[in-house]
């Protein structure tokens, strides 16, 4: 009796182990993996573009402030040239 139960358990275990994912399940898992990679790459590229745009905007603002400061300094110097001190 023990041998029959043992063999039944072994055969049952082998049947469970041999039942892996079907080709359709493997294809769906691979597609999900590829979709995940695509989403990650898109998020990375979007983030990179946003960072580059922010850096360009900051650079343009700094240049505008430098131009405004230079113009203010030049205007102040021109106003004082005509006065004798």
PDB file of N, CA and C in Angstrom:
ATOM      1  N   UNK A   1       0.814  -1.188   0.000  1.00  0.00           N
ATOM      2  CA  UNK A   1       0.000   0.000   0.000  1.00  0.00           C
ATOM      3  C   UNK A   1       0.866   1.264   0.000  1.00  0.00           C
ATOM      4  N   UNK A   2       1.959   1.203   0.764  1.00  0.00           N
ATOM      5  CA  UNK A   2       2.844   2.360   0.816  1.00  0.00           C
ATOM      6  C   UNK A   2       3.443   2.645  -0.558  1.00  0.00           C
ATOM      7  N   UNK A   3       3.769   1.572  -1.276  1.00  0.00           N
ATOM      8  CA  UNK A   3       4.350   1.772  -2.605  1.00  0.00           C
ATOM      9  C   UNK A   3       3.351   2.417  -3.558  1.00  0.00           C
ATOM     10  N   UNK A   4       2.106   2.030  -3.463  1.00  0.00           N
ATOM     11  CA  UNK A   4       1.077   2.596  -4.332  1.00  0.00           C
ATOM     12  C   UNK A   4       0.898   4.079  -4.019  1.00  0.00           C
ATOM     13  N   UNK A   5       0.828   4.441  -2.756  1.00  0.00           N
ATOM     14  CA  UNK A   5       0.695   5.847  -2.366  1.00  0.00           C
ATOM     15  C   UNK A   5       1.931   6.649  -2.775  1.00  0.00           C
ATOM     16  N   UNK A   6       3.095   6.053  -2.590  1.00  0.00           N
ATOM     17  CA  UNK A   6       4.339   6.720  -2.960  1.00  0.00           C
ATOM     18  C   UNK A   6       4.378   6.973  -4.468  1.00  0.00           C
ATOM     19  N   UNK A   7       4.034   5.950  -5.256  1.00  0.00           N
ATOM     20  CA  UNK A   7       4.046   6.095  -6.712  1.00  0.00           C
ATOM     21  C   UNK A   7       3.003   7.124  -7.167  1.00  0.00           C
ATOM     22  N   UNK A   8       1.854   7.132  -6.519  1.00  0.00           N
ATOM     23  CA  UNK A   8       0.826   8.105  -6.850  1.00  0.00           C
ATOM     24  C   UNK A   8       1.324   9.523  -6.560  1.00  0.00           C
ATOM     25  N   UNK A   9       1.996   9.684  -5.438  1.00  0.00           N
ATOM     26  CA  UNK A   9       2.545  10.993  -5.076  1.00  0.00           C
ATOM     27  C   UNK A   9       3.625  11.413  -6.062  1.00  0.00           C
ATOM     28  N   UNK A  10       4.472  10.491  -6.465  1.00  0.00           N
ATOM     29  CA  UNK A  10       5.546  10.798  -7.412  1.00  0.00           C
ATOM     30  C   UNK A  10       4.947  11.179  -8.764  1.00  0.00           C
ATOM     31  N   UNK A  11       3.998  10.404  -9.237  1.00  0.00           N
ATOM     32  CA  UNK A  11       3.379  10.696 -10.534  1.00  0.00           C
ATOM     33  C   UNK A  11       2.630  12.026 -10.478  1.00  0.00           C
ATOM     34  N   UNK A  12       1.944  12.278  -9.384  1.00  0.00           N
ATOM     35  CA  UNK A  12       1.244  13.556  -9.225  1.00  0.00           C
ATOM     36  C   UNK A  12       2.217  14.723  -9.216  1.00  0.00           C
ATOM     37  N   UNK A  13       3.317  14.568  -8.524  1.00  0.00           N
ATOM     38  CA  UNK A  13       4.334  15.622  -8.479  1.00  0.00           C
ATOM     39  C   UNK A  13       4.921  15.873  -9.861  1.00  0.00           C
ATOM     40  N   UNK A  14       5.192  14.829 -10.588  1.00  0.00           N
ATOM     41  CA  UNK A  14       5.758  14.973 -11.934  1.00  0.00           C
ATOM     42  C   UNK A  14       4.765  15.665 -12.862  1.00  0.00           C
ATOM     43  N   UNK A  15       3.483  15.342 -12.703  1.00  0.00           N
ATOM     44  CA  UNK A  15       2.464  15.960 -13.544  1.00  0.00           C
ATOM     45  C   UNK A  15       2.380  17.457 -13.265  1.00  0.00           C
ATOM     46  N   UNK A  16       2.466  17.831 -12.007  1.00  0.00           N
ATOM     47  CA  UNK A  16       2.399  19.250 -11.645  1.00  0.00           C
ATOM     48  C   UNK A  16       3.632  19.992 -12.154  1.00  0.00           C
ATOM     49  N   UNK A  17       4.795  19.390 -12.005  1.00  0.00           N
ATOM     50  CA  UNK A  17       6.033  20.032 -12.440  1.00  0.00           C
ATOM     51  C   UNK A  17       6.068  20.177 -13.955  1.00  0.00           C
ATOM     52  N   UNK A  18       5.585  19.184 -14.658  1.00  0.00           N
ATOM     53  CA  UNK A  18       5.646  19.228 -16.126  1.00  0.00           C
ATOM     54  C   UNK A  18       4.670  20.240 -16.713  1.00  0.00           C
ATOM     55  N   UNK A  19       3.689  20.677 -15.947  1.00  0.00           N
ATOM     56  CA  UNK A  19       2.723  21.668 -16.438  1.00  0.00           C
ATOM     57  C   UNK A  19       3.297  23.054 -16.235  1.00  0.00           C
ATOM     58  N   UNK A  20       3.997  23.555 -17.226  1.00  0.00           N
ATOM     59  CA  UNK A  20       4.537  24.911 -17.155  1.00  0.00           C
ATOM     60  C   UNK A  20       3.619  25.856 -17.900  1.00  0.00           C
ATOM     61  N   UNK A  21       4.058  27.081 -18.055  1.00  0.00           N
ATOM     62  CA  UNK A  21       3.223  28.049 -18.777  1.00  0.00           C
ATOM     63  C   UNK A  21       3.105  27.651 -20.254  1.00  0.00           C
ATOM     64  N   UNK A  22       1.951  27.928 -20.816  1.00  0.00           N
ATOM     65  CA  UNK A  22       1.730  27.617 -22.231  1.00  0.00           C
ATOM     66  C   UNK A  22       2.467  28.631 -23.098  1.00  0.00           C
ATOM     67  N   UNK A  23       2.518  28.356 -24.380  1.00  0.00           N
ATOM     68  CA  UNK A  23       3.179  29.281 -25.306  1.00  0.00           C
ATOM     69  C   UNK A  23       2.473  30.636 -25.289  1.00  0.00           C
ATOM     70  N   UNK A  24       1.157  30.605 -25.162  1.00  0.00           N
ATOM     71  CA  UNK A  24       0.396  31.860 -25.107  1.00  0.00           C
ATOM     72  C   UNK A  24       0.750  32.654 -23.855  1.00  0.00           C
ATOM     73  N   UNK A  25       0.868  31.971 -22.726  1.00  0.00           N
ATOM     74  CA  UNK A  25       1.239  32.652 -21.472  1.00  0.00           C
ATOM     75  C   UNK A  25       2.652  33.203 -21.541  1.00  0.00           C
ATOM     76  N   UNK A  26       3.555  32.445 -22.173  1.00  0.00           N
ATOM     77  CA  UNK A  26       4.930  32.933 -22.335  1.00  0.00           C
ATOM     78  C   UNK A  26       4.959  34.177 -23.225  1.00  0.00           C
ATOM     79  N   UNK A  27       4.180  34.157 -24.304  1.00  0.00           N
ATOM     80  CA  UNK A  27       4.122  35.316 -25.218  1.00  0.00           C
ATOM     81  C   UNK A  27       3.539  36.530 -24.511  1.00  0.00           C
ATOM     82  N   UNK A  28       2.510  36.314 -23.694  1.00  0.00           N
ATOM     83  CA  UNK A  28       1.897  37.430 -22.961  1.00  0.00           C
ATOM     84  C   UNK A  28       2.887  38.003 -21.947  1.00  0.00           C
ATOM     85  N   UNK A  29       3.632  37.127 -21.289  1.00  0.00           N
ATOM     86  CA  UNK A  29       4.625  37.595 -20.313  1.00  0.00           C
ATOM     87  C   UNK A  29       5.739  38.380 -21.009  1.00  0.00           C
ATOM     88  N   UNK A  30       6.164  37.912 -22.166  1.00  0.00           N
ATOM     89  CA  UNK A  30       7.212  38.613 -22.921  1.00  0.00           C
ATOM     90  C   UNK A  30       6.701  39.971 -23.401  1.00  0.00           C
ATOM     91  N   UNK A  31       5.464  40.014 -23.859  1.00  0.00           N
ATOM     92  CA  UNK A  31       4.879  41.284 -24.305  1.00  0.00           C
ATOM     93  C   UNK A  31       4.768  42.261 -23.141  1.00  0.00           C
ATOM     94  N   UNK A  32       4.376  41.765 -21.985  1.00  0.00           N
ATOM     95  CA  UNK A  32       4.290  42.621 -20.800  1.00  0.00           C
ATOM     96  C   UNK A  32       5.663  43.161 -20.430  1.00  0.00           C
ATOM     97  N   UNK A  33       6.686  42.319 -20.547  1.00  0.00           N
ATOM     98  CA  UNK A  33       8.060  42.752 -20.253  1.00  0.00           C
ATOM     99  C   UNK A  33       8.494  43.845 -21.230  1.00  0.00           C
ATOM    100  N   UNK A  34       8.209  43.635 -22.518  1.00  0.00           N
ATOM    101  CA  UNK A  34       8.585  44.627 -23.522  1.00  0.00           C
ATOM    102  C   UNK A  34       7.821  45.937 -23.331  1.00  0.00           C
ATOM    103  N   UNK A  35       6.535  45.836 -22.985  1.00  0.00           N
ATOM    104  CA  UNK A  35       5.745  47.039 -22.713  1.00  0.00           C
ATOM    105  C   UNK A  35       6.317  47.816 -21.530  1.00  0.00           C
ATOM    106  N   UNK A  36       6.739  47.082 -20.517  1.00  0.00           N
ATOM    107  CA  UNK A  36       7.320  47.716 -19.330  1.00  0.00           C
ATOM    108  C   UNK A  36       8.612  48.444 -19.690  1.00  0.00           C
ATOM    109  N   UNK A  37       9.430  47.824 -20.507  1.00  0.00           N
ATOM    110  CA  UNK A  37      10.683  48.452 -20.944  1.00  0.00           C
ATOM    111  C   UNK A  37      10.383  49.708 -21.752  1.00  0.00           C
ATOM    112  N   UNK A  38       9.395  49.624 -22.647  1.00  0.00           N
ATOM    113  CA  UNK A  38       9.021  50.778 -23.460  1.00  0.00           C
ATOM    114  C   UNK A  38       8.542  51.939 -22.593  1.00  0.00           C
ATOM    115  N   UNK A  39       7.722  51.631 -21.584  1.00  0.00           N
ATOM    116  CA  UNK A  39       7.227  52.671 -20.678  1.00  0.00           C
ATOM    117  C   UNK A  39       8.372  53.301 -19.892  1.00  0.00           C
ATOM    118  N   UNK A  40       9.313  52.476 -19.444  1.00  0.00           N
ATOM    119  CA  UNK A  40      10.452  52.999 -18.686  1.00  0.00           C
ATOM    120  C   UNK A  40      11.318  53.899 -19.562  1.00  0.00           C
ATOM    121  N   UNK A  41      11.556  53.483 -20.807  1.00  0.00           N
ATOM    122  CA  UNK A  41      12.352  54.306 -21.710  1.00  0.00           C
ATOM    123  C   UNK A  41      11.652  55.631 -22.015  1.00  0.00           C
ATOM    124  N   UNK A  42      10.340  55.597 -22.207  1.00  0.00           N
ATOM    125  CA  UNK A  42       9.589  56.818 -22.473  1.00  0.00           C
ATOM    126  C   UNK A  42       9.652  57.768 -21.282  1.00  0.00           C
ATOM    127  N   UNK A  43       9.476  57.204 -20.078  1.00  0.00           N
ATOM    128  CA  UNK A  43       9.543  58.034 -18.866  1.00  0.00           C
ATOM    129  C   UNK A  43      10.929  58.650 -18.728  1.00  0.00           C
ATOM    130  N   UNK A  44      11.974  57.875 -19.021  1.00  0.00           N
ATOM    131  CA  UNK A  44      13.344  58.383 -18.941  1.00  0.00           C
ATOM    132  C   UNK A  44      13.556  59.509 -19.951  1.00  0.00           C
ATOM    133  N   UNK A  45      13.124  59.278 -21.195  1.00  0.00           N
ATOM    134  CA  UNK A  45      13.307  60.294 -22.235  1.00  0.00           C
ATOM    135  C   UNK A  45      12.506  61.555 -21.934  1.00  0.00           C
ATOM    136  N   UNK A  46      11.277  61.397 -21.422  1.00  0.00           N
ATOM    137  CA  UNK A  46      10.471  62.559 -21.043  1.00  0.00           C
ATOM    138  C   UNK A  46      11.139  63.345 -19.921  1.00  0.00           C
ATOM    139  N   UNK A  47      11.674  62.631 -18.952  1.00  0.00           N
ATOM    140  CA  UNK A  47      12.350  63.267 -17.827  1.00  0.00           C
ATOM    141  C   UNK A  47      13.603  64.001 -18.301  1.00  0.00           C
ATOM    142  N   UNK A  48      14.338  63.372 -19.182  1.00  0.00           N
ATOM    143  CA  UNK A  48      15.553  63.984 -19.719  1.00  0.00           C
ATOM    144  C   UNK A  48      15.216  65.244 -20.505  1.00  0.00           C
ATOM    145  N   UNK A  49      14.161  65.189 -21.319  1.00  0.00           N
ATOM    146  CA  UNK A  49      13.750  66.363 -22.097  1.00  0.00           C
ATOM    147  C   UNK A  49      13.290  67.495 -21.180  1.00  0.00           C
ATOM    148  N   UNK A  50      12.567  67.147 -20.124  1.00  0.00           N
ATOM    149  CA  UNK A  50      12.111  68.172 -19.179  1.00  0.00           C
ATOM    150  C   UNK A  50      13.296  68.811 -18.461  1.00  0.00           C
ATOM    151  N   UNK A  51      14.277  68.021 -18.105  1.00  0.00           N
ATOM    152  CA  UNK A  51      15.464  68.551 -17.427  1.00  0.00           C
ATOM    153  C   UNK A  51      16.251  69.463 -18.362  1.00  0.00           C
ATOM    154  N   UNK A  52      16.380  69.058 -19.626  1.00  0.00           N
ATOM    155  CA  UNK A  52      17.093  69.894 -20.592  1.00  0.00           C
ATOM    156  C   UNK A  52      16.345  71.210 -20.836  1.00  0.00           C
ATOM    157  N   UNK A  53      15.023  71.146 -20.904  1.00  0.00           N
ATOM    158  CA  UNK A  53      14.227  72.358 -21.100  1.00  0.00           C
ATOM    159  C   UNK A  53      14.357  73.285 -19.891  1.00  0.00           C
ATOM    160  N   UNK A  54      14.348  72.713 -18.692  1.00  0.00           N
ATOM    161  CA  UNK A  54      14.493  73.526 -17.487  1.00  0.00           C
ATOM    162  C   UNK A  54      15.877  74.164 -17.431  1.00  0.00           C
ATOM    163  N   UNK A  55      16.893  73.426 -17.826  1.00  0.00           N
ATOM    164  CA  UNK A  55      18.252  73.976 -17.832  1.00  0.00           C
ATOM    165  C   UNK A  55      18.369  75.102 -18.858  1.00  0.00           C
ATOM    166  N   UNK A  56      17.767  74.907 -20.028  1.00  0.00           N
ATOM    167  CA  UNK A  56      17.811  75.955 -21.052  1.00  0.00           C
ATOM    168  C   UNK A  56      17.060  77.193 -20.591  1.00  0.00           C
ATOM    169  N   UNK A  57      15.920  77.006 -19.929  1.00  0.00           N
ATOM    170  CA  UNK A  57      15.145  78.141 -19.423  1.00  0.00           C
ATOM    171  C   UNK A  57      15.930  78.885 -18.345  1.00  0.00           C
ATOM    172  N   UNK A  58      16.587  78.153 -17.473  1.00  0.00           N
ATOM    173  CA  UNK A  58      17.387  78.782 -16.417  1.00  0.00           C
ATOM    174  C   UNK A  58      18.567  79.540 -17.020  1.00  0.00           C
ATOM    175  N   UNK A  59      19.160  78.955 -18.042  1.00  0.00           N
ATOM    176  CA  UNK A  59      20.284  79.609 -18.713  1.00  0.00           C
ATOM    177  C   UNK A  59      19.825  80.892 -19.409  1.00  0.00           C
ATOM    178  N   UNK A  60      18.666  80.842 -20.056  1.00  0.00           N
ATOM    179  CA  UNK A  60      18.129  82.020 -20.733  1.00  0.00           C
ATOM    180  C   UNK A  60      17.769  83.106 -19.718  1.00  0.00           C
ATOM    181  N   UNK A  61      17.218  82.711 -18.589  1.00  0.00           N
ATOM    182  CA  UNK A  61      16.857  83.684 -17.552  1.00  0.00           C
ATOM    183  C   UNK A  61      18.112  84.326 -16.971  1.00  0.00           C
ATOM    184  N   UNK A  62      19.157  83.529 -16.760  1.00  0.00           N
ATOM    185  CA  UNK A  62      20.404  84.080 -16.239  1.00  0.00           C
ATOM    186  C   UNK A  62      21.012  85.061 -17.241  1.00  0.00           C
ATOM    187  N   UNK A  63      20.940  84.727 -18.521  1.00  0.00           N
ATOM    188  CA  UNK A  63      21.468  85.625 -19.551  1.00  0.00           C
ATOM    189  C   UNK A  63      20.658  86.915 -19.596  1.00  0.00           C
ATOM    190  N   UNK A  64      19.347  86.816 -19.442  1.00  0.00           N
ATOM    191  CA  UNK A  64      18.498  88.004 -19.452  1.00  0.00           C
ATOM    192  C   UNK A  64      18.799  88.887 -18.243  1.00  0.00           C
ATOM    193  N   UNK A  65      19.025  88.277 -17.093  1.00  0.00           N
ATOM    194  CA  UNK A  65      19.359  89.052 -15.894  1.00  0.00           C
ATOM    195  C   UNK A  65      20.715  89.725 -16.045  1.00  0.00           C
ATOM    196  N   UNK A  66      21.663  89.022 -16.655  1.00  0.00           N
ATOM    197  CA  UNK A  66      22.977  89.629 -16.894  1.00  0.00           C
ATOM    198  C   UNK A  66      22.857  90.811 -17.845  1.00  0.00           C
ATOM    199  N   UNK A  67      22.041  90.672 -18.883  1.00  0.00           N
ATOM    200  CA  UNK A  67      21.841  91.767 -19.840  1.00  0.00           C
ATOM    201  C   UNK A  67      21.175  92.950 -19.153  1.00  0.00           C
ATOM    202  N   UNK A  68      20.194  92.688 -18.309  1.00  0.00           N
ATOM    203  CA  UNK A  68      19.499  93.762 -17.596  1.00  0.00           C
ATOM    204  C   UNK A  68      20.441  94.458 -16.621  1.00  0.00           C
ATOM    205  N   UNK A  69      21.275  93.699 -15.943  1.00  0.00           N
ATOM    206  CA  UNK A  69      22.219  94.286 -14.989  1.00  0.00           C
ATOM    207  C   UNK A  69      23.255  95.131 -15.725  1.00  0.00           C
ATOM    208  N   UNK A  70      23.722  94.650 -16.870  1.00  0.00           N
ATOM    209  CA  UNK A  70      24.698  95.401 -17.662  1.00  0.00           C
ATOM    210  C   UNK A  70      24.078  96.693 -18.180  1.00  0.00           C
ATOM    211  N   UNK A  71      22.863  96.621 -18.645  1.00  0.00           N
ATOM    212  CA  UNK A  71      22.184  97.817 -19.155  1.00  0.00           C
ATOM    213  C   UNK A  71      21.963  98.819 -18.029  1.00  0.00           C
ATOM    214  N   UNK A  72      21.625  98.361 -16.845  1.00  0.00           N
ATOM    215  CA  UNK A  72      21.416  99.252 -15.703  1.00  0.00           C
ATOM    216  C   UNK A  72      22.726  99.919 -15.308  1.00  0.00           C
ATOM    217  N   UNK A  73      23.810  99.158 -15.313  1.00  0.00           N
ATOM    218  CA  UNK A  73      25.115  99.730 -14.960  1.00  0.00           C
ATOM    219  C   UNK A  73      25.546 100.764 -15.998  1.00  0.00           C
ATOM    220  N   UNK A  74      25.323 100.471 -17.272  1.00  0.00           N
ATOM    221  CA  UNK A  74      25.711 101.410 -18.321  1.00  0.00           C
ATOM    222  C   UNK A  74      24.878 102.681 -18.239  1.00  0.00           C
ATOM    223  N   UNK A  75      23.600 102.555 -17.936  1.00  0.00           N
ATOM    224  CA  UNK A  75      22.734 103.718 -17.795  1.00  0.00           C
ATOM    225  C   UNK A  75      23.140 104.570 -16.610  1.00  0.00           C
ATOM    226  N   UNK A  76      23.575 103.962 -15.546  1.00  0.00           N
ATOM    227  CA  UNK A  76      23.999 104.697 -14.358  1.00  0.00           C
ATOM    228  C   UNK A  76      25.304 105.436 -14.643  1.00  0.00           C
ATOM    229  N   UNK A  77      26.200 104.813 -15.400  1.00  0.00           N
ATOM    230  CA  UNK A  77      27.464 105.466 -15.725  1.00  0.00           C
ATOM    231  C   UNK A  77      27.240 106.651 -16.649  1.00  0.00           C
ATOM    232  N   UNK A  78      26.334 106.534 -17.605  1.00  0.00           N
ATOM    233  CA  UNK A  78      26.056 107.625 -18.530  1.00  0.00           C
ATOM    234  C   UNK A  78      25.427 108.802 -17.794  1.00  0.00           C
ATOM    235  N   UNK A  79      24.631 108.556 -16.799  1.00  0.00           N
ATOM    236  CA  UNK A  79      23.984 109.613 -16.043  1.00  0.00           C
ATOM    237  C   UNK A  79      24.963 110.390 -15.189  1.00  0.00           C
ATOM    238  N   UNK A  80      26.053 109.774 -14.784  1.00  0.00           N
ATOM    239  CA  UNK A  80      27.030 110.429 -13.920  1.00  0.00           C
ATOM    240  C   UNK A  80      28.171 111.083 -14.692  1.00  0.00           C
ATOM    241  N   UNK A  81      28.297 110.863 -15.973  1.00  0.00           N
ATOM    242  CA  UNK A  81      29.397 111.410 -16.739  1.00  0.00           C
ATOM    243  C   UNK A  81      29.302 112.922 -16.888  1.00  0.00           C
ATOM    244  N   UNK A  82      28.138 113.459 -16.948  1.00  0.00           N
ATOM    245  CA  UNK A  82      27.960 114.888 -17.152  1.00  0.00           C
ATOM    246  C   UNK A  82      28.124 115.700 -15.884  1.00  0.00           C
ATOM    247  N   UNK A  83      28.188 115.102 -14.737  1.00  0.00           N
ATOM    248  CA  UNK A  83      28.304 115.808 -13.478  1.00  0.00           C
ATOM    249  C   UNK A  83      29.757 115.896 -13.032  1.00  0.00           C
ATOM    250  N   UNK A  84      30.128 117.020 -12.516  1.00  0.00           N
ATOM    251  CA  UNK A  84      31.470 117.182 -11.990  1.00  0.00           C
ATOM    252  C   UNK A  84      31.448 116.888 -10.501  1.00  0.00           C
ATOM    253  N   UNK A  85      32.318 116.060 -10.054  1.00  0.00           N
ATOM    254  CA  UNK A  85      32.379 115.722  -8.625  1.00  0.00           C
ATOM    255  C   UNK A  85      33.662 116.158  -8.038  1.00  0.00           C
TER     256      UNK A  85
END
